[in-house]
Amino acid sequence: MIGRWRRLGASGLLALGLVSVLRPAAGAQATATPCYQQCPQVNGWLARRAMTALDNDGFRIGWSSSRRSALWVAYELRPEADRREVDPRPKGYTVDVRTRPAVRSESYRGSGFDRGHLAANGTVSRFFGPVAQQLAMHMSNIAPQTPRLNRGVWQRLEMAEIDVWLAGAQRVWVVTGPLWPRRPAQLSGGLPVPDGFYRIWVRERHGRAPTVTAFRVPQIVCGDEPPRYFRVPVADIALAAGLDFGPLEQLDEPELTAAERLAMDALPLRYARDFQKTPKPNGCTR
């Protein structure tokens, strides 16, 4: 699957209806960027339509109406903003009225896919509060994920963002989103299904230059793999997604330290019981 992304290349992905210009949603207020220096843009002149910026408390979404999906979601985490508590999860998913055509939760019924958060619900609540948490339940922040991905390695990456990467840092910038095959499968109502996802962290620590670490995870995983197995160069993600991530692409990408590998490997499956109930792909031991 990863090989297919690489063979397709940026130009092929750009021709699939991805977008090039970031425009604010109608009536949106200008806000300080939650991205590291600049938010992602689509590479090249082949992109056909404009990307809409959906600003929310604490996080920003780069929305593509042609994909009916976020191309990226970005936010910044600071230790002093950590409330160290998560509000009760809101009930149900909500339509984001800023998006056209609207994406509805009902498209997922009976599909076998989870409604996967891009900006994690718990992280948004913990750092940006209950109002932001409700906005994170908008379908604009949701993408189809296999249960093994959503409840396994993706959830552990969300935990590592705070428990490992933010520990000892001044701040961490996060940008995350889907990756698309040439001809995506569709859920009911024509909602396309990505064949993987990426997550990029820029970490700033006292007395050190910022560094960047990136992960690319396919839809089909056992789910209990160590997150470090999915570490890739940022350039691989930029090519697969057809996105220009700006200055973060020039940052140093150091190898994970032994302490970081151990800390990430030790992260638990937060929803272990739910994880065990999910269908097990061939070759997986549990």
C-alpha atoms as a PDB file:
ATOM      1  CA  MET A   1       0.000   0.000   0.000  1.00  0.00           C
ATOM      2  CA  ILE A   2       2.812   2.403   0.915  1.00  0.00           C
ATOM      3  CA  GLY A   3       4.515   1.568  -2.357  1.00  0.00           C
ATOM      4  CA  ARG A   4       1.373   2.527  -4.237  1.00  0.00           C
ATOM      5  CA  TRP A   5       1.359   5.959  -2.569  1.00  0.00           C
ATOM      6  CA  ARG A   6       4.960   6.516  -3.601  1.00  0.00           C
ATOM      7  CA  ARG A   7       4.412   5.408  -7.196  1.00  0.00           C
ATOM      8  CA  LEU A   8       1.397   7.686  -7.546  1.00  0.00           C
ATOM      9  CA  GLY A   9       3.420  10.764  -6.624  1.00  0.00           C
ATOM     10  CA  ALA A  10       2.359  14.292  -5.896  1.00  0.00           C
ATOM     11  CA  SER A  11       1.161  15.159  -9.393  1.00  0.00           C
ATOM     12  CA  GLY A  12      -1.189  12.198  -9.518  1.00  0.00           C
ATOM     13  CA  LEU A  13      -2.642  13.016  -6.147  1.00  0.00           C
ATOM     14  CA  LEU A  14      -3.076  16.640  -7.070  1.00  0.00           C
ATOM     15  CA  ALA A  15      -5.130  15.676 -10.089  1.00  0.00           C
ATOM     16  CA  LEU A  16      -7.673  13.912  -7.877  1.00  0.00           C
ATOM     17  CA  GLY A  17      -9.545  17.049  -6.889  1.00  0.00           C
ATOM     18  CA  LEU A  18      -7.287  18.148  -4.056  1.00  0.00           C
ATOM     19  CA  VAL A  19      -7.107  21.877  -3.524  1.00  0.00           C
ATOM     20  CA  SER A  20      -4.505  24.594  -3.672  1.00  0.00           C
ATOM     21  CA  VAL A  21      -5.633  27.833  -2.047  1.00  0.00           C
ATOM     22  CA  LEU A  22      -6.579  28.192   1.599  1.00  0.00           C
ATOM     23  CA  ARG A  23      -9.591  30.498   1.946  1.00  0.00           C
ATOM     24  CA  PRO A  24     -11.438  31.251   5.166  1.00  0.00           C
ATOM     25  CA  ALA A  25     -14.991  30.021   5.552  1.00  0.00           C
ATOM     26  CA  ALA A  26     -17.620  32.693   5.056  1.00  0.00           C
ATOM     27  CA  GLY A  27     -17.897  34.818   8.172  1.00  0.00           C
ATOM     28  CA  ALA A  28     -14.828  33.244   9.792  1.00  0.00           C
ATOM     29  CA  GLN A  29     -12.702  35.380  12.094  1.00  0.00           C
ATOM     30  CA  ALA A  30      -8.981  35.626  11.392  1.00  0.00           C
ATOM     31  CA  THR A  31      -7.042  33.780  14.108  1.00  0.00           C
ATOM     32  CA  ALA A  32      -3.407  33.181  14.952  1.00  0.00           C
ATOM     33  CA  THR A  33      -2.154  30.150  13.084  1.00  0.00           C
ATOM     34  CA  PRO A  34      -2.058  26.880  15.049  1.00  0.00           C
ATOM     35  CA  CYS A  35       0.498  25.596  12.505  1.00  0.00           C
ATOM     36  CA  TYR A  36       4.273  25.721  12.659  1.00  0.00           C
ATOM     37  CA  GLN A  37       4.946  29.003  10.762  1.00  0.00           C
ATOM     38  CA  GLN A  38       2.448  28.187   7.990  1.00  0.00           C
ATOM     39  CA  CYS A  39      -0.433  25.798   7.413  1.00  0.00           C
ATOM     40  CA  PRO A  40      -0.187  23.191   4.636  1.00  0.00           C
ATOM     41  CA  GLN A  41      -0.899  24.114   1.034  1.00  0.00           C
ATOM     42  CA  VAL A  42      -1.339  21.869  -1.974  1.00  0.00           C
ATOM     43  CA  ASN A  43       1.714  21.649  -4.230  1.00  0.00           C
ATOM     44  CA  GLY A  44       1.776  22.823  -7.826  1.00  0.00           C
ATOM     45  CA  TRP A  45      -0.660  24.252 -10.322  1.00  0.00           C
ATOM     46  CA  LEU A  46      -2.679  21.064 -11.003  1.00  0.00           C
ATOM     47  CA  ALA A  47      -4.951  21.430  -8.007  1.00  0.00           C
ATOM     48  CA  ARG A  48      -8.411  22.494  -9.086  1.00  0.00           C
ATOM     49  CA  ARG A  49     -10.283  24.046  -6.224  1.00  0.00           C
ATOM     50  CA  ALA A  50      -9.854  26.131  -3.104  1.00  0.00           C
ATOM     51  CA  MET A  51      -9.297  24.709   0.345  1.00  0.00           C
ATOM     52  CA  THR A  52     -11.506  26.198   3.040  1.00  0.00           C
ATOM     53  CA  ALA A  53     -10.084  27.096   6.436  1.00  0.00           C
ATOM     54  CA  LEU A  54     -12.424  26.019   9.232  1.00  0.00           C
ATOM     55  CA  ASP A  55     -11.234  27.741  12.409  1.00  0.00           C
ATOM     56  CA  ASN A  56     -12.301  26.254  15.724  1.00  0.00           C
ATOM     57  CA  ASP A  57     -11.317  26.906  19.326  1.00  0.00           C
ATOM     58  CA  GLY A  58      -7.766  25.562  19.441  1.00  0.00           C
ATOM     59  CA  PHE A  59      -7.576  23.831  16.060  1.00  0.00           C
ATOM     60  CA  ARG A  60      -7.884  24.558  12.339  1.00  0.00           C
ATOM     61  CA  ILE A  61      -9.141  22.310   9.543  1.00  0.00           C
ATOM     62  CA  GLY A  62      -8.115  22.511   5.896  1.00  0.00           C
ATOM     63  CA  TRP A  63     -11.356  21.307   4.283  1.00  0.00           C
ATOM     64  CA  SER A  64     -11.812  20.003   0.743  1.00  0.00           C
ATOM     65  CA  SER A  65     -15.372  19.968  -0.562  1.00  0.00           C
ATOM     66  CA  SER A  66     -14.309  17.740  -3.467  1.00  0.00           C
ATOM     67  CA  ARG A  67     -12.991  15.136  -1.017  1.00  0.00           C
ATOM     68  CA  ARG A  68     -15.758  15.800   1.517  1.00  0.00           C
ATOM     69  CA  SER A  69     -12.970  15.578   4.062  1.00  0.00           C
ATOM     70  CA  ALA A  70     -10.298  17.471   5.906  1.00  0.00           C
ATOM     71  CA  LEU A  71      -6.980  17.349   4.088  1.00  0.00           C
ATOM     72  CA  TRP A  72      -5.309  18.307   7.336  1.00  0.00           C
ATOM     73  CA  VAL A  73      -6.076  19.348  10.891  1.00  0.00           C
ATOM     74  CA  ALA A  74      -3.567  21.401  12.900  1.00  0.00           C
ATOM     75  CA  TYR A  75      -3.192  22.516  16.513  1.00  0.00           C
ATOM     76  CA  GLU A  76      -0.532  23.614  18.988  1.00  0.00           C
ATOM     77  CA  LEU A  77      -0.026  22.075  22.435  1.00  0.00           C
ATOM     78  CA  ARG A  78       1.622  23.923  25.339  1.00  0.00           C
ATOM     79  CA  PRO A  79       2.232  22.380  28.785  1.00  0.00           C
ATOM     80  CA  GLU A  80       0.757  25.400  30.576  1.00  0.00           C
ATOM     81  CA  ALA A  81      -2.541  24.902  28.718  1.00  0.00           C
ATOM     82  CA  ASP A  82      -2.918  21.314  29.978  1.00  0.00           C
ATOM     83  CA  ARG A  83      -5.923  21.156  32.331  1.00  0.00           C
ATOM     84  CA  ARG A  84      -5.052  17.503  33.095  1.00  0.00           C
ATOM     85  CA  GLU A  85      -8.698  16.539  32.874  1.00  0.00           C
ATOM     86  CA  VAL A  86     -11.057  15.553  30.093  1.00  0.00           C
ATOM     87  CA  ASP A  87     -14.672  16.678  30.057  1.00  0.00           C
ATOM     88  CA  PRO A  88     -17.438  14.110  29.531  1.00  0.00           C
ATOM     89  CA  ARG A  89     -17.570  13.130  25.897  1.00  0.00           C
ATOM     90  CA  PRO A  90     -20.412  14.889  24.044  1.00  0.00           C
ATOM     91  CA  LYS A  91     -23.181  12.629  22.829  1.00  0.00           C
ATOM     92  CA  GLY A  92     -23.266  12.088  19.105  1.00  0.00           C
ATOM     93  CA  TYR A  93     -21.549  13.541  16.077  1.00  0.00           C
ATOM     94  CA  THR A  94     -22.695  16.796  14.520  1.00  0.00           C
ATOM     95  CA  VAL A  95     -22.933  18.199  11.012  1.00  0.00           C
ATOM     96  CA  ASP A  96     -20.564  21.095  10.375  1.00  0.00           C
ATOM     97  CA  VAL A  97     -22.842  23.624   8.687  1.00  0.00           C
ATOM     98  CA  ARG A  98     -19.812  25.378   7.174  1.00  0.00           C
ATOM     99  CA  THR A  99     -19.188  22.415   4.832  1.00  0.00           C
ATOM    100  CA  ARG A 100     -20.864  21.674   1.500  1.00  0.00           C
ATOM    101  CA  PRO A 101     -21.938  19.048   0.754  1.00  0.00           C
ATOM    102  CA  ALA A 102     -22.664  18.164   4.364  1.00  0.00           C
ATOM    103  CA  VAL A 103     -21.153  14.998   5.818  1.00  0.00           C
ATOM    104  CA  ARG A 104     -23.458  13.106   8.158  1.00  0.00           C
ATOM    105  CA  SER A 105     -22.735  10.494  10.785  1.00  0.00           C
ATOM    106  CA  GLU A 106     -25.351   8.207   9.231  1.00  0.00           C
ATOM    107  CA  SER A 107     -23.011   7.501   6.289  1.00  0.00           C
ATOM    108  CA  TYR A 108     -20.973   5.259   8.600  1.00  0.00           C
ATOM    109  CA  ARG A 109     -23.824   2.997   9.709  1.00  0.00           C
ATOM    110  CA  GLY A 110     -23.168  -0.633   8.843  1.00  0.00           C
ATOM    111  CA  SER A 111     -19.943   0.234   7.017  1.00  0.00           C
ATOM    112  CA  GLY A 112     -17.523  -1.480   9.400  1.00  0.00           C
ATOM    113  CA  PHE A 113     -15.561   1.768   9.762  1.00  0.00           C
ATOM    114  CA  ASP A 114     -15.142   3.816  12.922  1.00  0.00           C
ATOM    115  CA  ARG A 115     -15.696   7.558  12.992  1.00  0.00           C
ATOM    116  CA  GLY A 116     -12.050   8.437  13.567  1.00  0.00           C
ATOM    117  CA  HIS A 117     -11.068  11.790  15.068  1.00  0.00           C
ATOM    118  CA  LEU A 118      -8.232  13.730  13.459  1.00  0.00           C
ATOM    119  CA  ALA A 119      -7.881  16.212  16.335  1.00  0.00           C
ATOM    120  CA  ALA A 120      -8.390  13.791  19.216  1.00  0.00           C
ATOM    121  CA  ASN A 121     -11.508  14.468  21.281  1.00  0.00           C
ATOM    122  CA  GLY A 122      -9.725  13.977  24.596  1.00  0.00           C
ATOM    123  CA  THR A 123      -6.743  16.127  23.610  1.00  0.00           C
ATOM    124  CA  VAL A 124      -8.983  18.971  22.453  1.00  0.00           C
ATOM    125  CA  SER A 125     -10.960  18.837  25.706  1.00  0.00           C
ATOM    126  CA  ARG A 126      -7.849  18.684  27.873  1.00  0.00           C
ATOM    127  CA  PHE A 127      -6.047  21.618  26.223  1.00  0.00           C
ATOM    128  CA  PHE A 128      -8.827  23.790  24.761  1.00  0.00           C
ATOM    129  CA  GLY A 129     -11.906  23.106  26.889  1.00  0.00           C
ATOM    130  CA  PRO A 130     -15.470  21.786  26.507  1.00  0.00           C
ATOM    131  CA  VAL A 131     -16.570  24.201  23.778  1.00  0.00           C
ATOM    132  CA  ALA A 132     -13.662  23.102  21.588  1.00  0.00           C
ATOM    133  CA  GLN A 133     -14.427  19.486  22.454  1.00  0.00           C
ATOM    134  CA  GLN A 134     -17.942  19.885  21.065  1.00  0.00           C
ATOM    135  CA  LEU A 135     -16.484  21.328  17.851  1.00  0.00           C
ATOM    136  CA  ALA A 136     -14.181  18.305  17.623  1.00  0.00           C
ATOM    137  CA  MET A 137     -17.341  16.195  17.297  1.00  0.00           C
ATOM    138  CA  HIS A 138     -18.181  17.933  13.995  1.00  0.00           C
ATOM    139  CA  MET A 139     -17.987  15.543  11.062  1.00  0.00           C
ATOM    140  CA  SER A 140     -15.419  17.872   9.500  1.00  0.00           C
ATOM    141  CA  ASN A 141     -12.950  16.495  12.091  1.00  0.00           C
ATOM    142  CA  ILE A 142     -13.885  12.867  11.403  1.00  0.00           C
ATOM    143  CA  ALA A 143     -12.640  10.381   8.804  1.00  0.00           C
ATOM    144  CA  PRO A 144     -13.362   6.668   8.173  1.00  0.00           C
ATOM    145  CA  GLN A 145     -10.885   4.474  10.052  1.00  0.00           C
ATOM    146  CA  THR A 146     -10.800   0.716  10.507  1.00  0.00           C
ATOM    147  CA  PRO A 147     -11.499  -0.275  14.111  1.00  0.00           C
ATOM    148  CA  ARG A 148      -8.022  -1.774  14.504  1.00  0.00           C
ATOM    149  CA  LEU A 149      -6.438   1.505  13.441  1.00  0.00           C
ATOM    150  CA  ASN A 150      -8.718   3.827  15.401  1.00  0.00           C
ATOM    151  CA  ARG A 151      -8.710   1.857  18.643  1.00  0.00           C
ATOM    152  CA  GLY A 152      -5.119   0.680  18.394  1.00  0.00           C
ATOM    153  CA  VAL A 153      -2.060   2.397  16.955  1.00  0.00           C
ATOM    154  CA  TRP A 154      -3.860   5.693  16.165  1.00  0.00           C
ATOM    155  CA  GLN A 155      -5.024   6.008  19.757  1.00  0.00           C
ATOM    156  CA  ARG A 156      -1.493   5.289  20.998  1.00  0.00           C
ATOM    157  CA  LEU A 157      -0.086   8.021  18.745  1.00  0.00           C
ATOM    158  CA  GLU A 158      -2.621  10.418  20.256  1.00  0.00           C
ATOM    159  CA  MET A 159      -1.387   9.458  23.714  1.00  0.00           C
ATOM    160  CA  ALA A 160       2.288   9.747  22.737  1.00  0.00           C
ATOM    161  CA  GLU A 161       1.683  13.290  21.534  1.00  0.00           C
ATOM    162  CA  ILE A 162       1.080  14.378  25.136  1.00  0.00           C
ATOM    163  CA  ASP A 163       2.706  11.747  27.338  1.00  0.00           C
ATOM    164  CA  VAL A 164       5.992  11.474  25.419  1.00  0.00           C
ATOM    165  CA  TRP A 165       6.445  14.331  22.938  1.00  0.00           C
ATOM    166  CA  LEU A 166       5.108  17.229  24.992  1.00  0.00           C
ATOM    167  CA  ALA A 167       6.950  16.059  28.129  1.00  0.00           C
ATOM    168  CA  GLY A 168       9.873  18.420  28.666  1.00  0.00           C
ATOM    169  CA  ALA A 169       8.941  20.541  25.635  1.00  0.00           C
ATOM    170  CA  GLN A 170       7.908  24.183  25.391  1.00  0.00           C
ATOM    171  CA  ARG A 171       5.315  23.291  22.757  1.00  0.00           C
ATOM    172  CA  VAL A 172       4.383  20.752  20.120  1.00  0.00           C
ATOM    173  CA  TRP A 173       2.708  21.562  16.820  1.00  0.00           C
ATOM    174  CA  VAL A 174       0.582  18.798  15.339  1.00  0.00           C
ATOM    175  CA  VAL A 175      -0.674  18.381  11.787  1.00  0.00           C
ATOM    176  CA  THR A 176      -2.589  15.256  10.811  1.00  0.00           C
ATOM    177  CA  GLY A 177      -4.829  14.042   8.022  1.00  0.00           C
ATOM    178  CA  PRO A 178      -5.812  11.334   5.528  1.00  0.00           C
ATOM    179  CA  LEU A 179      -4.009   9.848   2.540  1.00  0.00           C
ATOM    180  CA  TRP A 180      -5.962   8.819  -0.542  1.00  0.00           C
ATOM    181  CA  PRO A 181      -5.792   5.990  -3.083  1.00  0.00           C
ATOM    182  CA  ARG A 182      -6.314   6.700  -6.751  1.00  0.00           C
ATOM    183  CA  ARG A 183      -9.914   5.444  -6.653  1.00  0.00           C
ATOM    184  CA  PRO A 184     -11.179   5.450  -3.069  1.00  0.00           C
ATOM    185  CA  ALA A 185     -13.945   3.146  -1.925  1.00  0.00           C
ATOM    186  CA  GLN A 186     -17.045   4.964  -0.751  1.00  0.00           C
ATOM    187  CA  LEU A 187     -19.420   4.735   2.165  1.00  0.00           C
ATOM    188  CA  SER A 188     -23.109   5.404   1.732  1.00  0.00           C
ATOM    189  CA  GLY A 189     -23.811   8.841   0.349  1.00  0.00           C
ATOM    190  CA  GLY A 190     -20.559   8.800  -1.620  1.00  0.00           C
ATOM    191  CA  LEU A 191     -18.201   9.500   1.306  1.00  0.00           C
ATOM    192  CA  PRO A 192     -14.686   8.463   0.165  1.00  0.00           C
ATOM    193  CA  VAL A 193     -12.469   6.237   2.317  1.00  0.00           C
ATOM    194  CA  PRO A 194      -8.754   7.055   2.778  1.00  0.00           C
ATOM    195  CA  ASP A 195      -6.253   4.207   2.622  1.00  0.00           C
ATOM    196  CA  GLY A 196      -4.106   5.650   5.398  1.00  0.00           C
ATOM    197  CA  PHE A 197      -3.331   8.601   7.650  1.00  0.00           C
ATOM    198  CA  TYR A 198      -0.370  10.718   8.670  1.00  0.00           C
ATOM    199  CA  ARG A 199       0.622  12.494  11.855  1.00  0.00           C
ATOM    200  CA  ILE A 200       3.442  15.046  12.098  1.00  0.00           C
ATOM    201  CA  TRP A 201       4.871  16.540  15.302  1.00  0.00           C
ATOM    202  CA  VAL A 202       7.137  19.578  15.552  1.00  0.00           C
ATOM    203  CA  ARG A 203       8.715  19.807  18.999  1.00  0.00           C
ATOM    204  CA  GLU A 204      10.324  22.897  20.483  1.00  0.00           C
ATOM    205  CA  ARG A 205      12.469  22.466  23.590  1.00  0.00           C
ATOM    206  CA  HIS A 206      14.450  24.963  25.663  1.00  0.00           C
ATOM    207  CA  GLY A 207      17.837  25.720  24.165  1.00  0.00           C
ATOM    208  CA  ARG A 208      17.337  23.467  21.136  1.00  0.00           C
ATOM    209  CA  ALA A 209      16.264  23.993  17.554  1.00  0.00           C
ATOM    210  CA  PRO A 210      12.802  22.618  16.721  1.00  0.00           C
ATOM    211  CA  THR A 211      12.717  19.085  15.316  1.00  0.00           C
ATOM    212  CA  VAL A 212      10.073  17.166  13.381  1.00  0.00           C
ATOM    213  CA  THR A 213       8.854  13.566  13.579  1.00  0.00           C
ATOM    214  CA  ALA A 214       6.321  11.995  11.227  1.00  0.00           C
ATOM    215  CA  PHE A 215       4.236   8.822  11.045  1.00  0.00           C
ATOM    216  CA  ARG A 216       2.227   7.256   8.238  1.00  0.00           C
ATOM    217  CA  VAL A 217      -0.199   4.475   9.128  1.00  0.00           C
ATOM    218  CA  PRO A 218      -2.223   2.388   6.639  1.00  0.00           C
ATOM    219  CA  GLN A 219      -5.854   1.468   7.233  1.00  0.00           C
ATOM    220  CA  ILE A 220      -5.078  -2.241   7.513  1.00  0.00           C
ATOM    221  CA  VAL A 221      -3.058  -2.829  10.682  1.00  0.00           C
ATOM    222  CA  CYS A 222      -3.079  -5.312  13.522  1.00  0.00           C
ATOM    223  CA  GLY A 223      -3.382  -2.266  15.759  1.00  0.00           C
ATOM    224  CA  ASP A 224      -1.042  -3.363  18.515  1.00  0.00           C
ATOM    225  CA  GLU A 225       2.159  -2.621  16.611  1.00  0.00           C
ATOM    226  CA  PRO A 226       4.594  -0.215  18.286  1.00  0.00           C
ATOM    227  CA  PRO A 227       3.881   3.247  16.850  1.00  0.00           C
ATOM    228  CA  ARG A 228       7.568   3.644  15.955  1.00  0.00           C
ATOM    229  CA  TYR A 229       7.103   1.038  13.203  1.00  0.00           C
ATOM    230  CA  PHE A 230       5.243   3.693  11.215  1.00  0.00           C
ATOM    231  CA  ARG A 231       7.894   6.420  11.435  1.00  0.00           C
ATOM    232  CA  VAL A 232       8.683   7.914   7.991  1.00  0.00           C
ATOM    233  CA  PRO A 233      10.420  11.015   6.598  1.00  0.00           C
ATOM    234  CA  VAL A 234       8.229  14.088   6.271  1.00  0.00           C
ATOM    235  CA  ALA A 235       9.077  14.141   2.563  1.00  0.00           C
ATOM    236  CA  ASP A 236       7.283  10.808   2.101  1.00  0.00           C
ATOM    237  CA  ILE A 237       4.093  12.281   3.548  1.00  0.00           C
ATOM    238  CA  ALA A 238       4.385  15.479   1.541  1.00  0.00           C
ATOM    239  CA  LEU A 239       4.645  13.408  -1.642  1.00  0.00           C
ATOM    240  CA  ALA A 240       1.812  11.027  -0.741  1.00  0.00           C
ATOM    241  CA  ALA A 241      -0.541  13.787   0.396  1.00  0.00           C
ATOM    242  CA  GLY A 242       0.409  16.280  -2.317  1.00  0.00           C
ATOM    243  CA  LEU A 243       0.886  18.906   0.371  1.00  0.00           C
ATOM    244  CA  ASP A 244       3.505  21.569   0.983  1.00  0.00           C
ATOM    245  CA  PHE A 245       4.064  21.622   4.739  1.00  0.00           C
ATOM    246  CA  GLY A 246       6.271  24.689   4.523  1.00  0.00           C
ATOM    247  CA  PRO A 247       9.227  25.366   6.841  1.00  0.00           C
ATOM    248  CA  LEU A 248       8.716  22.239   8.934  1.00  0.00           C
ATOM    249  CA  GLU A 249       9.973  20.201   5.958  1.00  0.00           C
ATOM    250  CA  GLN A 250      13.397  21.811   6.487  1.00  0.00           C
ATOM    251  CA  LEU A 251      13.696  20.834  10.154  1.00  0.00           C
ATOM    252  CA  ASP A 252      16.002  18.124  11.451  1.00  0.00           C
ATOM    253  CA  GLU A 253      14.372  14.687  11.789  1.00  0.00           C
ATOM    254  CA  PRO A 254      16.396  12.932  14.520  1.00  0.00           C
ATOM    255  CA  GLU A 255      16.096   9.227  15.218  1.00  0.00           C
ATOM    256  CA  LEU A 256      13.948   8.270  18.172  1.00  0.00           C
ATOM    257  CA  THR A 257      15.990   7.911  21.334  1.00  0.00           C
ATOM    258  CA  ALA A 258      15.952   4.660  23.289  1.00  0.00           C
ATOM    259  CA  ALA A 259      13.902   6.385  25.999  1.00  0.00           C
ATOM    260  CA  GLU A 260      11.353   7.624  23.453  1.00  0.00           C
ATOM    261  CA  ARG A 261      11.029   4.181  21.883  1.00  0.00           C
ATOM    262  CA  LEU A 262      10.506   2.547  25.260  1.00  0.00           C
ATOM    263  CA  ALA A 263       7.983   5.165  26.362  1.00  0.00           C
ATOM    264  CA  MET A 264       5.954   4.825  23.163  1.00  0.00           C
ATOM    265  CA  ASP A 265       6.060   1.023  23.240  1.00  0.00           C
ATOM    266  CA  ALA A 266       4.786   1.061  26.821  1.00  0.00           C
ATOM    267  CA  LEU A 267       1.664   3.090  26.018  1.00  0.00           C
ATOM    268  CA  PRO A 268      -1.426   0.973  26.736  1.00  0.00           C
ATOM    269  CA  LEU A 269      -4.406   0.294  24.534  1.00  0.00           C
ATOM    270  CA  ARG A 270      -6.799   2.640  26.306  1.00  0.00           C
ATOM    271  CA  TYR A 271      -9.834   0.772  25.025  1.00  0.00           C
ATOM    272  CA  ALA A 272      -8.386  -2.733  25.206  1.00  0.00           C
ATOM    273  CA  ARG A 273     -11.757  -4.438  25.610  1.00  0.00           C
ATOM    274  CA  ASP A 274     -13.205  -2.698  22.553  1.00  0.00           C
ATOM    275  CA  PHE A 275     -10.005  -3.435  20.653  1.00  0.00           C
ATOM    276  CA  GLN A 276     -10.289  -7.155  21.354  1.00  0.00           C
ATOM    277  CA  LYS A 277     -13.807  -7.172  19.901  1.00  0.00           C
ATOM    278  CA  THR A 278     -12.689  -5.819  16.525  1.00  0.00           C
ATOM    279  CA  PRO A 279     -12.207  -8.113  13.501  1.00  0.00           C
ATOM    280  CA  LYS A 280      -8.642  -9.450  13.408  1.00  0.00           C
ATOM    281  CA  PRO A 281      -6.819  -9.104  10.047  1.00  0.00           C
ATOM    282  CA  ASN A 282      -4.951 -12.104   8.705  1.00  0.00           C
ATOM    283  CA  GLY A 283      -1.565 -12.576  10.320  1.00  0.00           C
ATOM    284  CA  CYS A 284      -2.406 -10.728  13.546  1.00  0.00           C
ATOM    285  CA  THR A 285      -1.873 -12.569  16.835  1.00  0.00           C
ATOM    286  CA  ARG A 286      -4.594 -10.886  18.911  1.00  0.00           C
END
